[in-house]
Amino acid sequence: MILSGDLQAPQVNELWQSRAQWWQNDRLELSGVTTLDSAGLALLVKWAKNVLARGATPQLVGASSDFYTLATLYGVAGLFQSTPLTTEDA
C-alpha cells in the first residue's frame, strides 16, 4: 500500500473509513507523504498494532526522518521496522 500527500487529520479520517481496504497490509510505503501530524502518526500506530496482533512485522518503506523524529518523541518508533526505498519500490 502506498500513502502519499498529506497524512493529517482530514486525510486520516478518510483513511480510517477505508481501512478495511488496506488494513491487512504488513507494509506501507510512505515516500510520497509530504506532511504528517500527530493524527497521521496515531493512524500508523493503530495500523502497526493491528499488524503485530496478527503476528507480522509492520514495515514502513521510505519513511522520512521527520516521521521517525515524531515517532521517537511520542515513544512509538520501536513499533515500526524501517525498510529503505529501493529501485524495485520506485
Protein backbone atom coordinates (compact mmCIF):
# COMPACT_ATOMS: atom_id res chain seq x y z
CA MET A 1 0.00 0.00 0.00
CA ILE A 2 1.33 3.44 -0.94
CA LEU A 3 0.37 6.51 1.06
CA SER A 4 1.11 9.92 -0.38
CA GLY A 5 0.42 13.61 0.12
CA ASP A 6 -0.69 14.90 3.49
CA LEU A 7 -1.20 12.50 6.34
CA GLN A 8 -3.03 14.85 8.66
CA ALA A 9 -6.42 14.86 10.39
CA PRO A 10 -8.64 15.32 7.27
CA GLN A 11 -6.83 12.58 5.34
CA VAL A 12 -6.71 10.35 8.41
CA ASN A 13 -10.50 10.47 8.64
CA GLU A 14 -10.75 9.27 5.03
CA LEU A 15 -8.14 6.56 5.52
CA TRP A 16 -9.83 5.36 8.71
CA GLN A 17 -13.12 4.98 6.85
CA SER A 18 -11.41 2.90 4.13
CA ARG A 19 -9.13 0.90 6.45
CA ALA A 20 -10.80 -2.40 5.51
CA GLN A 21 -9.20 -1.97 2.09
CA TRP A 22 -5.62 -1.53 3.34
CA TRP A 23 -5.50 -2.59 7.00
CA GLN A 24 -4.30 -6.14 6.19
CA ASN A 25 -1.10 -4.88 4.53
CA ASP A 26 2.03 -5.52 6.57
CA ARG A 27 3.98 -2.98 4.55
CA LEU A 28 3.25 0.68 3.81
CA GLU A 29 5.22 2.93 1.53
CA LEU A 30 5.47 6.47 2.89
CA SER A 31 8.00 8.01 0.49
CA GLY A 32 5.25 10.15 -1.07
CA VAL A 33 3.96 11.52 2.24
CA THR A 34 4.67 15.25 2.32
CA THR A 35 3.32 16.20 5.76
CA LEU A 36 2.49 14.20 8.85
CA ASP A 37 0.89 15.30 12.11
CA SER A 38 0.01 13.51 15.32
CA ALA A 39 -3.27 12.24 13.81
CA GLY A 40 -1.31 10.62 10.98
CA LEU A 41 1.12 9.10 13.43
CA ALA A 42 -1.77 7.79 15.56
CA LEU A 43 -3.27 6.09 12.50
CA LEU A 44 0.05 4.42 11.70
CA VAL A 45 0.39 3.30 15.34
CA LYS A 46 -3.09 1.71 15.23
CA TRP A 47 -2.16 0.02 11.93
CA ALA A 48 1.15 -1.24 13.38
CA LYS A 49 -0.57 -2.64 16.47
CA ASN A 50 -3.06 -4.43 14.22
CA VAL A 51 -0.21 -5.93 12.18
CA LEU A 52 1.61 -7.01 15.35
CA ALA A 53 -1.59 -8.59 16.70
CA ARG A 54 -1.64 -10.79 13.59
CA GLY A 55 1.91 -11.90 14.34
CA ALA A 56 3.50 -9.96 11.49
CA THR A 57 6.02 -7.11 11.46
CA PRO A 58 4.81 -3.66 10.37
CA GLN A 59 7.19 -2.35 7.72
CA LEU A 60 7.46 1.23 6.59
CA VAL A 61 9.20 1.85 3.28
CA GLY A 62 10.72 5.23 2.60
CA ALA A 63 9.57 6.90 5.82
CA SER A 64 11.15 10.31 6.30
CA SER A 65 13.42 11.34 9.12
CA ASP A 66 10.61 13.71 10.19
CA PHE A 67 8.36 10.68 10.68
CA TYR A 68 10.94 8.99 12.91
CA THR A 69 11.55 12.21 14.84
CA LEU A 70 7.83 12.48 15.61
CA ALA A 71 7.53 8.76 16.36
CA THR A 72 10.51 8.97 18.70
CA LEU A 73 9.05 11.98 20.51
CA TYR A 74 5.83 10.02 21.09
CA GLY A 75 7.76 6.89 22.11
CA VAL A 76 6.38 4.66 19.34
CA ALA A 77 9.30 4.42 16.87
CA GLY A 78 10.04 0.87 18.08
CA LEU A 79 6.74 -0.37 16.64
CA PHE A 80 7.98 0.04 13.08
CA GLN A 81 10.59 -1.71 11.00
CA SER A 82 12.19 0.74 8.60
CA THR A 83 12.81 -0.52 5.09
CA PRO A 84 14.79 1.64 2.66
CA LEU A 85 13.17 2.57 -0.62
CA THR A 86 14.77 0.57 -3.42
CA THR A 87 14.54 0.87 -7.17
CA GLU A 88 12.09 -2.05 -7.09
CA ASP A 89 9.77 0.04 -4.91
CA ALA A 90 10.00 3.16 -7.09
